[in-house]
C-alpha atoms as a PDB file:
ATOM      1  CA  MET A   1       0.270  -0.435   0.592  1.00  0.00           C
ATOM      2  CA  GLU A   2       3.008   2.122   0.336  1.00  0.00           C
ATOM      3  CA  ARG A   3       4.053   1.636  -3.080  1.00  0.00           C
ATOM      4  CA  GLY A   4       0.723   2.981  -4.101  1.00  0.00           C
ATOM      5  CA  VAL A   5      -1.044  -0.028  -5.048  1.00  0.00           C
ATOM      6  CA  ASP A   6      -4.797   0.086  -6.237  1.00  0.00           C
ATOM      7  CA  GLY A   7      -5.526  -3.043  -4.773  1.00  0.00           C
ATOM      8  CA  VAL A   8      -4.155  -6.558  -2.810  1.00  0.00           C
ATOM      9  CA  GLU A   9      -5.409  -9.113  -4.187  1.00  0.00           C
ATOM     10  CA  LEU A  10      -5.492 -12.159  -0.572  1.00  0.00           C
ATOM     11  CA  ASP A  11      -5.242 -16.266  -1.232  1.00  0.00           C
ATOM     12  CA  VAL A  12      -8.402 -16.782   0.992  1.00  0.00           C
ATOM     13  CA  GLN A  13      -9.465 -19.214   3.058  1.00  0.00           C
ATOM     14  CA  LEU A  14     -11.955 -21.132   5.947  1.00  0.00           C
ATOM     15  CA  SER A  15     -11.270 -22.373   8.937  1.00  0.00           C
ATOM     16  CA  ALA A  16     -13.838 -25.262  10.583  1.00  0.00           C
ATOM     17  CA  ASP A  17     -15.264 -22.371  12.037  1.00  0.00           C
ATOM     18  CA  GLY A  18     -16.679 -19.979   9.455  1.00  0.00           C
ATOM     19  CA  VAL A  19     -13.635 -17.581  10.165  1.00  0.00           C
ATOM     20  CA  LEU A  20     -11.534 -16.187   6.534  1.00  0.00           C
ATOM     21  CA  VAL A  21      -8.019 -16.647   7.050  1.00  0.00           C
ATOM     22  CA  ALA A  22      -5.350 -15.465   4.159  1.00  0.00           C
ATOM     23  CA  PHE A  23      -3.159 -18.384   3.247  1.00  0.00           C
ATOM     24  CA  HIS A  24      -2.507 -20.199   0.413  1.00  0.00           C
ATOM     25  CA  PRO A  25      -1.411 -23.599   0.829  1.00  0.00           C
ATOM     26  CA  ASP A  26      -3.446 -26.496   0.848  1.00  0.00           C
ATOM     27  CA  ARG A  27      -1.867 -28.018   4.083  1.00  0.00           C
ATOM     28  CA  LEU A  28      -0.455 -25.806   7.079  1.00  0.00           C
ATOM     29  CA  GLU A  29       2.693 -27.903   7.540  1.00  0.00           C
ATOM     30  CA  LEU A  30       3.318 -26.209   3.877  1.00  0.00           C
ATOM     31  CA  GLY A  31       4.049 -22.698   5.572  1.00  0.00           C
ATOM     32  CA  THR A  32       3.479 -23.189   9.206  1.00  0.00           C
ATOM     33  CA  ASN A  33       3.997 -24.684  12.279  1.00  0.00           C
ATOM     34  CA  GLY A  34       0.400 -26.253  12.494  1.00  0.00           C
ATOM     35  CA  ILE A  35      -0.699 -29.259  10.522  1.00  0.00           C
ATOM     36  CA  GLY A  36      -3.004 -30.358   7.954  1.00  0.00           C
ATOM     37  CA  LEU A  37      -5.722 -28.278   6.701  1.00  0.00           C
ATOM     38  CA  VAL A  38      -6.733 -24.495   7.317  1.00  0.00           C
ATOM     39  CA  ASN A  39     -10.629 -26.518   6.848  1.00  0.00           C
ATOM     40  CA  ALA A  40      -9.729 -28.651   9.635  1.00  0.00           C
ATOM     41  CA  ARG A  41      -9.481 -26.078  12.608  1.00  0.00           C
ATOM     42  CA  VAL A  42     -10.877 -23.619  14.344  1.00  0.00           C
ATOM     43  CA  TRP A  43      -9.994 -19.833  14.612  1.00  0.00           C
ATOM     44  CA  ALA A  44      -8.674 -20.080  18.262  1.00  0.00           C
ATOM     45  CA  ASP A  45      -6.440 -22.678  16.955  1.00  0.00           C
ATOM     46  CA  LEU A  46      -5.361 -21.031  14.422  1.00  0.00           C
ATOM     47  CA  ARG A  47      -4.340 -18.237  15.242  1.00  0.00           C
ATOM     48  CA  ARG A  48      -1.726 -19.369  17.677  1.00  0.00           C
ATOM     49  CA  LEU A  49       0.250 -20.425  14.819  1.00  0.00           C
ATOM     50  CA  SER A  50       3.867 -18.807  13.482  1.00  0.00           C
ATOM     51  CA  VAL A  51       4.512 -18.572  10.246  1.00  0.00           C
ATOM     52  CA  GLU A  52       7.760 -21.438   8.879  1.00  0.00           C
ATOM     53  CA  GLY A  53      11.272 -19.229   9.825  1.00  0.00           C
ATOM     54  CA  ARG A  54       9.448 -16.725  11.235  1.00  0.00           C
ATOM     55  CA  PRO A  55       7.838 -16.954  14.273  1.00  0.00           C
ATOM     56  CA  GLU A  56       6.358 -13.330  15.576  1.00  0.00           C
ATOM     57  CA  VAL A  57       4.654 -13.663  12.269  1.00  0.00           C
ATOM     58  CA  ARG A  58       0.797 -15.190  12.809  1.00  0.00           C
ATOM     59  CA  LEU A  59      -1.743 -15.434  10.427  1.00  0.00           C
ATOM     60  CA  ALA A  60      -4.504 -13.171   9.842  1.00  0.00           C
ATOM     61  CA  GLN A  61      -8.140 -13.070   9.003  1.00  0.00           C
ATOM     62  CA  VAL A  62      -8.933 -10.964   6.451  1.00  0.00           C
ATOM     63  CA  LYS A  63     -10.699  -8.383   7.397  1.00  0.00           C
ATOM     64  CA  ASP A  64      -8.331  -7.278   9.255  1.00  0.00           C
ATOM     65  CA  LEU A  65      -6.037  -6.680   6.716  1.00  0.00           C
ATOM     66  CA  ILE A  66      -8.655  -5.193   5.157  1.00  0.00           C
ATOM     67  CA  ARG A  67      -8.971  -2.821   7.945  1.00  0.00           C
ATOM     68  CA  LEU A  68      -5.579  -1.953   7.459  1.00  0.00           C
ATOM     69  CA  ASP A  69      -6.601   0.061   3.871  1.00  0.00           C
ATOM     70  CA  THR A  70      -8.153   3.199   6.420  1.00  0.00           C
ATOM     71  CA  ALA A  71      -8.719   5.298   2.795  1.00  0.00           C
ATOM     72  CA  GLY A  72     -11.468   2.136   2.249  1.00  0.00           C
ATOM     73  CA  THR A  73      -9.937   3.645  -1.003  1.00  0.00           C
ATOM     74  CA  ARG A  74      -7.561  -0.271  -2.999  1.00  0.00           C
ATOM     75  CA  ARG A  75      -9.636  -3.107  -4.561  1.00  0.00           C
ATOM     76  CA  TRP A  76      -9.518  -6.496  -2.493  1.00  0.00           C
ATOM     77  CA  VAL A  77      -9.199  -9.277  -4.669  1.00  0.00           C
ATOM     78  CA  LEU A  78      -9.910 -12.711  -2.783  1.00  0.00           C
ATOM     79  CA  ASP A  79      -8.723 -16.196  -4.165  1.00  0.00           C
ATOM     80  CA  VAL A  80     -10.548 -18.354  -2.732  1.00  0.00           C
ATOM     81  CA  LYS A  81      -8.354 -22.307  -2.484  1.00  0.00           C
ATOM     82  CA  LEU A  82     -11.344 -24.413  -1.554  1.00  0.00           C
ATOM     83  CA  PHE A  83      -9.487 -27.137   0.590  1.00  0.00           C
ATOM     84  CA  ALA A  84     -12.508 -29.008   1.940  1.00  0.00           C
ATOM     85  CA  ALA A  85     -12.621 -31.087   6.072  1.00  0.00           C
ATOM     86  CA  GLY A  86     -15.922 -32.321   5.446  1.00  0.00           C
ATOM     87  CA  ASP A  87     -18.742 -32.764   2.376  1.00  0.00           C
ATOM     88  CA  TRP A  88     -18.065 -31.156  -0.231  1.00  0.00           C
ATOM     89  CA  VAL A  89     -21.464 -28.986  -0.956  1.00  0.00           C
ATOM     90  CA  PRO A  90     -21.867 -28.130   2.722  1.00  0.00           C
ATOM     91  CA  TYR A  91     -18.529 -26.604   2.904  1.00  0.00           C
ATOM     92  CA  LEU A  92     -19.115 -24.041  -0.436  1.00  0.00           C
ATOM     93  CA  ASP A  93     -22.399 -23.206   1.201  1.00  0.00           C
ATOM     94  CA  ARG A  94     -19.975 -21.922   4.851  1.00  0.00           C
ATOM     95  CA  PHE A  95     -17.612 -20.406   2.417  1.00  0.00           C
ATOM     96  CA  VAL A  96     -20.506 -18.581   0.548  1.00  0.00           C
ATOM     97  CA  ALA A  97     -22.165 -17.659   4.154  1.00  0.00           C
ATOM     98  CA  ALA A  98     -18.624 -16.768   5.202  1.00  0.00           C
ATOM     99  CA  LEU A  99     -18.167 -13.689   1.620  1.00  0.00           C
ATOM    100  CA  ARG A 100     -21.503 -12.757   2.578  1.00  0.00           C
ATOM    101  CA  ALA A 101     -20.829 -11.699   5.879  1.00  0.00           C
ATOM    102  CA  LEU A 102     -17.589 -10.162   4.935  1.00  0.00           C
ATOM    103  CA  ASP A 103     -18.912  -7.841   2.625  1.00  0.00           C
ATOM    104  CA  ALA A 104     -22.293  -6.857   4.786  1.00  0.00           C
ATOM    105  CA  GLU A 105     -19.311  -6.362   7.761  1.00  0.00           C
ATOM    106  CA  VAL A 106     -15.670  -4.049   5.623  1.00  0.00           C
ATOM    107  CA  ALA A 107     -18.305  -3.510   1.804  1.00  0.00           C
ATOM    108  CA  PRO A 108     -17.569   0.731   2.990  1.00  0.00           C
ATOM    109  CA  LEU A 109     -14.127  -0.311   3.413  1.00  0.00           C
ATOM    110  CA  GLY A 110     -13.106  -0.660  -0.258  1.00  0.00           C
ATOM    111  CA  ARG A 111     -14.112  -2.840  -3.151  1.00  0.00           C
ATOM    112  CA  LEU A 112     -14.569  -6.932  -2.974  1.00  0.00           C
ATOM    113  CA  ARG A 113     -14.069  -9.252  -5.886  1.00  0.00           C
ATOM    114  CA  VAL A 114     -13.449 -12.751  -5.249  1.00  0.00           C
ATOM    115  CA  GLU A 115     -11.847 -15.184  -8.273  1.00  0.00           C
ATOM    116  CA  CYS A 116     -11.416 -19.226  -7.601  1.00  0.00           C
ATOM    117  CA  ARG A 117     -11.266 -21.649 -10.360  1.00  0.00           C
ATOM    118  CA  ASP A 118     -13.855 -23.324  -9.397  1.00  0.00           C
ATOM    119  CA  LEU A 119     -17.160 -23.299 -11.553  1.00  0.00           C
ATOM    120  CA  GLU A 120     -19.761 -24.475  -9.090  1.00  0.00           C
ATOM    121  CA  PHE A 121     -18.681 -22.223  -6.872  1.00  0.00           C
ATOM    122  CA  LEU A 122     -19.292 -18.986  -8.345  1.00  0.00           C
ATOM    123  CA  THR A 123     -22.489 -19.688  -8.694  1.00  0.00           C
ATOM    124  CA  ARG A 124     -23.569 -20.479  -6.140  1.00  0.00           C
ATOM    125  CA  LEU A 125     -21.751 -16.866  -5.017  1.00  0.00           C
ATOM    126  CA  HIS A 126     -23.018 -15.539  -7.881  1.00  0.00           C
ATOM    127  CA  ARG A 127     -26.770 -16.274  -6.657  1.00  0.00           C
ATOM    128  CA  SER A 128     -26.271 -15.431  -2.760  1.00  0.00           C
ATOM    129  CA  LEU A 129     -24.478 -12.337  -3.840  1.00  0.00           C
ATOM    130  CA  PRO A 130     -24.909 -10.712  -7.905  1.00  0.00           C
ATOM    131  CA  HIS A 131     -23.824  -7.202  -7.362  1.00  0.00           C
ATOM    132  CA  LEU A 132     -20.072  -8.503  -6.468  1.00  0.00           C
ATOM    133  CA  GLU A 133     -17.641  -8.778  -8.826  1.00  0.00           C
ATOM    134  CA  LEU A 134     -16.826 -12.267  -9.498  1.00  0.00           C
ATOM    135  CA  GLY A 135     -13.251 -14.189 -11.738  1.00  0.00           C
ATOM    136  CA  LEU A 136     -12.691 -17.362 -13.257  1.00  0.00           C
ATOM    137  CA  VAL A 137      -8.675 -18.080 -12.417  1.00  0.00           C
ATOM    138  CA  ALA A 138      -8.187 -20.536 -15.407  1.00  0.00           C
ATOM    139  CA  THR A 139      -4.778 -21.208 -17.018  1.00  0.00           C
ATOM    140  CA  ASP A 140      -6.696 -22.162 -20.721  1.00  0.00           C
ATOM    141  CA  PRO A 141      -7.679 -19.052 -21.974  1.00  0.00           C
ATOM    142  CA  ALA A 142     -10.015 -20.370 -24.382  1.00  0.00           C
ATOM    143  CA  LEU A 143     -11.602 -22.397 -22.177  1.00  0.00           C
ATOM    144  CA  ALA A 144     -11.947 -19.551 -19.579  1.00  0.00           C
ATOM    145  CA  LEU A 145     -13.630 -17.392 -22.083  1.00  0.00           C
ATOM    146  CA  GLY A 146     -16.623 -20.222 -22.709  1.00  0.00           C
ATOM    147  CA  GLU A 147     -16.576 -20.861 -19.276  1.00  0.00           C
ATOM    148  CA  ALA A 148     -17.221 -17.012 -17.933  1.00  0.00           C
ATOM    149  CA  ARG A 149     -19.951 -15.762 -20.335  1.00  0.00           C
ATOM    150  CA  GLY A 150     -23.626 -16.222 -19.818  1.00  0.00           C
ATOM    151  CA  ARG A 151     -22.428 -17.039 -15.768  1.00  0.00           C
ATOM    152  CA  GLY A 152     -22.189 -13.594 -13.750  1.00  0.00           C
ATOM    153  CA  ILE A 153     -18.794 -13.018 -14.069  1.00  0.00           C
ATOM    154  CA  GLN A 154     -17.074  -9.970 -15.053  1.00  0.00           C
ATOM    155  CA  TRP A 155     -13.021 -11.400 -15.294  1.00  0.00           C
ATOM    156  CA  VAL A 156     -10.486 -14.057 -15.831  1.00  0.00           C
ATOM    157  CA  VAL A 157      -8.010 -14.474 -14.508  1.00  0.00           C
ATOM    158  CA  LEU A 158      -5.049 -16.170 -16.678  1.00  0.00           C
ATOM    159  CA  PRO A 159      -0.758 -16.256 -16.273  1.00  0.00           C
ATOM    160  CA  LEU A 160       0.728 -14.490 -17.612  1.00  0.00           C
ATOM    161  CA  ASP A 161       2.455 -16.213 -20.352  1.00  0.00           C
ATOM    162  CA  ARG A 162      -0.910 -17.485 -21.623  1.00  0.00           C
ATOM    163  CA  THR A 163      -2.447 -14.364 -22.340  1.00  0.00           C
ATOM    164  CA  GLY A 164      -2.164 -12.676 -25.893  1.00  0.00           C
ATOM    165  CA  ARG A 165      -3.565  -9.791 -27.580  1.00  0.00           C
ATOM    166  CA  HIS A 166      -5.618 -11.821 -29.236  1.00  0.00           C
ATOM    167  CA  VAL A 167      -6.780 -13.267 -26.376  1.00  0.00           C
ATOM    168  CA  VAL A 168      -7.757 -10.509 -24.387  1.00  0.00           C
ATOM    169  CA  ARG A 169      -9.946  -8.854 -27.810  1.00  0.00           C
ATOM    170  CA  ALA A 170     -11.749 -11.772 -27.632  1.00  0.00           C
ATOM    171  CA  ALA A 171     -12.528 -11.854 -23.715  1.00  0.00           C
ATOM    172  CA  HIS A 172     -13.646  -8.140 -24.374  1.00  0.00           C
ATOM    173  CA  ASP A 173     -15.932  -9.263 -27.327  1.00  0.00           C
ATOM    174  CA  LEU A 174     -17.522 -10.626 -24.876  1.00  0.00           C
ATOM    175  CA  GLY A 175     -17.908  -8.028 -21.743  1.00  0.00           C
ATOM    176  CA  LEU A 176     -15.294  -9.520 -19.990  1.00  0.00           C
ATOM    177  CA  ARG A 177     -12.252  -8.491 -18.092  1.00  0.00           C
ATOM    178  CA  VAL A 178      -8.766  -9.619 -17.947  1.00  0.00           C
ATOM    179  CA  SER A 179      -6.099 -10.123 -15.131  1.00  0.00           C
ATOM    180  CA  THR A 180      -3.180 -11.662 -15.319  1.00  0.00           C
ATOM    181  CA  PHE A 181      -1.037 -13.294 -12.944  1.00  0.00           C
ATOM    182  CA  GLY A 182       3.166 -14.159 -12.451  1.00  0.00           C
ATOM    183  CA  ALA A 183       4.629 -10.733 -13.255  1.00  0.00           C
ATOM    184  CA  THR A 184       7.203  -9.709 -11.544  1.00  0.00           C
ATOM    185  CA  THR A 185       9.463  -7.541 -13.022  1.00  0.00           C
ATOM    186  CA  ARG A 186       8.910  -4.606 -14.299  1.00  0.00           C
ATOM    187  CA  GLY A 187       9.576  -5.593 -18.156  1.00  0.00           C
ATOM    188  CA  ASP A 188       6.337  -7.986 -17.394  1.00  0.00           C
ATOM    189  CA  LEU A 189       4.441  -5.011 -16.368  1.00  0.00           C
ATOM    190  CA  ARG A 190       5.441  -3.540 -19.084  1.00  0.00           C
ATOM    191  CA  GLU A 191       4.416  -6.091 -21.236  1.00  0.00           C
ATOM    192  CA  ALA A 192       0.827  -6.937 -19.923  1.00  0.00           C
ATOM    193  CA  TRP A 193       0.073  -3.447 -19.803  1.00  0.00           C
ATOM    194  CA  ALA A 194       1.126  -3.189 -24.203  1.00  0.00           C
ATOM    195  CA  LEU A 195      -1.424  -6.798 -24.700  1.00  0.00           C
ATOM    196  CA  GLY A 196      -4.127  -4.801 -23.166  1.00  0.00           C
ATOM    197  CA  VAL A 197      -4.650  -6.559 -20.039  1.00  0.00           C
ATOM    198  CA  ASP A 198      -7.129  -4.694 -17.694  1.00  0.00           C
ATOM    199  CA  GLU A 199      -5.365  -5.543 -14.305  1.00  0.00           C
ATOM    200  CA  VAL A 200      -2.212  -7.164 -13.752  1.00  0.00           C
ATOM    201  CA  GLN A 201      -1.323  -8.754 -10.402  1.00  0.00           C
ATOM    202  CA  LEU A 202       2.000  -7.885  -9.307  1.00  0.00           C
ATOM    203  CA  ASP A 203       3.639 -10.529  -7.162  1.00  0.00           C
ATOM    204  CA  ASP A 204       6.649  -8.320  -6.284  1.00  0.00           C
ATOM    205  CA  PRO A 205       5.851  -5.132  -5.207  1.00  0.00           C
ATOM    206  CA  ALA A 206       9.103  -3.811  -5.337  1.00  0.00           C
ATOM    207  CA  ALA A 207       8.834  -3.665  -8.781  1.00  0.00           C
ATOM    208  CA  LEU A 208       6.393  -1.097  -8.598  1.00  0.00           C
ATOM    209  CA  PRO A 209       8.252   2.160  -7.123  1.00  0.00           C
ATOM    210  CA  ALA A 210       7.808   3.897  -4.399  1.00  0.00           C
ATOM    211  CA  ARG A 211       5.553   6.812  -4.395  1.00  0.00           C
END
């Protein structure tokens, strides 16, 4: 935020008691001193875990991170990671309910968008929160455009190395915007903007000049 980014993308998982937690890997041992799935642990347990190699750093709730943007001017992109410890459909419904509660609580503080690789989840979320902007994450551009069209999805989220000008034009012709991920350098940024994409998700904010 100090570098003036337009938004922040967070990988989001659901705890056993319905708390939205910022965490990427499928298992806790791949980044913390805990074990198992985030979805198998309640927040009271998760909050005591520390990040691997940095014992002073704890896991965070998504809503607390969003509150760091006190001006409420940034877009918050929630990349939903689905790793269920129990039955799939009830898990999806609980995740949707948690996002609905988050939207009601923090919407005045910023602009939320949700992206996910799972089309079933996005469809359920659209039915529950039709005003929310949704993005379909995919590695196959042609498949992504076909699946996103007419499903209440506004964005396709594609890897930079699979995104070309023809893909961006095709998406725009369908009324879809394009976000690209995998950019790490200023050169990657220039390449992405030259393609005509609508948004770049930058892995390393140090590639941006400080404002």
